[in-house]
Protein backbone atom coordinates (compact mmCIF):
# COMPACT_ATOMS: atom_id res chain seq x y z
CA ARG A 1 112.11 139.90 -190.80
CA GLU A 2 113.95 142.64 -189.05
CA ASN A 3 113.97 145.04 -191.97
CA SER A 4 110.20 144.93 -192.73
CA SER A 5 109.12 144.69 -189.09
CA GLU A 6 110.40 148.19 -188.25
CA ASN A 7 107.40 149.87 -189.84
CA ILE A 8 104.66 147.47 -188.75
CA LEU A 9 103.16 149.87 -186.18
CA SER A 10 104.18 153.13 -187.83
CA SER A 11 100.79 153.93 -189.49
CA ALA A 12 99.12 156.88 -187.75
CA ASN A 13 95.74 155.63 -189.04
CA ARG A 14 96.02 152.15 -187.55
CA LEU A 15 93.83 151.42 -184.51
CA LEU A 16 94.44 148.89 -181.83
CA LEU A 17 91.12 147.23 -181.20
CA HIS A 18 92.05 144.64 -178.63
CA GLU A 19 95.10 142.89 -177.10
CA GLY A 20 95.58 139.98 -174.70
CA ARG A 21 97.35 136.91 -173.62
CA LEU A 22 96.56 133.47 -175.17
CA MET A 23 97.88 129.95 -175.13
CA LEU A 24 98.68 128.80 -178.68
CA ALA A 25 98.70 125.07 -179.44
CA GLU A 26 101.64 124.31 -181.61
CA SER A 27 101.86 120.52 -182.51
CA THR A 28 102.90 118.94 -179.18
CA ARG A 29 103.44 122.03 -177.03
CA LEU A 30 101.65 125.13 -175.77
CA LEU A 31 103.12 128.68 -176.44
CA ASP A 32 102.35 131.63 -174.22
CA VAL A 33 101.62 134.33 -176.77
CA TYR A 34 100.28 137.90 -176.66
CA LEU A 35 97.97 139.04 -179.47
CA PHE A 36 97.44 142.54 -180.87
CA LEU A 37 94.30 142.98 -182.97
CA PHE A 38 94.47 146.09 -185.10
CA ASP A 39 91.87 147.26 -187.48
CA ASP A 40 93.71 145.84 -190.46
CA PHE A 41 95.75 142.89 -189.19
CA LEU A 42 96.43 140.44 -186.31
CA LEU A 43 99.91 140.40 -184.83
CA ILE A 44 101.00 137.37 -182.82
CA THR A 45 103.87 137.82 -180.47
CA LYS A 46 105.74 135.29 -178.24
CA ILE A 47 106.10 136.21 -174.65
CA LYS A 48 109.71 136.01 -173.30
CA ARG A 49 110.95 136.49 -169.87
CA ASN A 50 114.26 138.28 -169.33
CA LYS A 51 116.34 136.26 -166.84
CA LYS A 52 118.44 139.23 -166.01
CA LYS A 53 117.15 141.63 -163.42
CA TYR A 54 117.53 145.38 -163.90
CA GLY A 55 120.23 147.02 -161.77
CA GLY A 56 117.92 148.86 -159.31
CA SER A 57 115.22 147.34 -157.19
CA ASP A 58 112.71 150.00 -158.17
CA THR A 59 111.23 148.72 -161.42
CA SER A 60 108.60 151.55 -161.42
CA LEU A 61 111.26 153.68 -163.17
CA ILE A 62 111.27 151.51 -166.33
CA PRO A 63 109.37 153.56 -168.98
CA VAL A 64 106.26 151.78 -170.25
CA CYS A 65 103.73 152.95 -172.89
CA PRO A 66 100.57 154.13 -170.97
CA SER A 67 98.21 152.82 -173.63
CA LEU A 68 99.22 149.15 -172.95
CA THR A 69 97.08 147.06 -170.66
CA PRO A 70 98.10 146.93 -167.00
CA GLU A 71 98.91 143.19 -167.46
CA LEU A 72 101.42 143.98 -170.26
CA GLN A 73 102.84 146.95 -168.40
CA SER A 74 103.53 144.81 -165.44
CA PHE A 75 105.09 142.10 -167.52
CA ILE A 76 107.41 144.66 -169.14
CA ARG A 77 108.42 146.10 -165.73
CA GLU A 78 109.40 142.63 -164.71
CA GLY A 79 111.82 142.40 -167.54
CA GLY A 80 109.61 140.56 -169.97
CA PHE A 81 109.22 141.45 -173.65
CA CYS A 82 107.32 140.27 -176.77
CA THR A 83 108.88 139.27 -180.09
CA VAL A 84 106.95 138.93 -183.30
CA LEU A 85 106.21 135.20 -183.84
CA ASP A 86 105.22 135.42 -187.52
CA GLN A 87 104.22 137.94 -190.16
CA PRO A 88 101.04 139.89 -189.36
CA ILE A 89 97.83 138.29 -190.60
CA PRO A 90 95.75 140.69 -192.66
CA LEU A 91 92.13 140.63 -191.39
CA ASP A 92 90.72 140.13 -194.96
CA ARG A 93 92.65 136.78 -195.12
CA LEU A 94 91.68 135.62 -191.54
CA ILE A 95 89.04 133.03 -191.00
CA LEU A 96 87.60 132.50 -187.47
CA LYS A 97 86.00 129.28 -186.31
CA ASN A 98 84.44 128.20 -183.08
CA VAL A 99 86.06 125.04 -181.68
CA ASP A 100 85.30 122.85 -178.75
CA PRO A 101 87.65 123.38 -175.70
CA VAL A 102 90.43 120.79 -175.56
């Protein structure tokens, strides 16, 4: 929801523990997602590629947050972006299981 998603990352006490790219199996297809693991919830975002190119050829001028991984910084400079796929999952409601590779 747009209204409630504005303040998702606003907590000054929230820590980003890990982030990274993953393939999410969704029924009959695979989704390219980017996960953000905070100390209180897991945020799953969908990776989207912007088909429009920026006006100039020098993409190094596009501002990117320095705390992001080099992979995500590069992706953003190429015109990509992440949209929240679903509501954040609180860690106290998350269950992890080991599964065999497909």
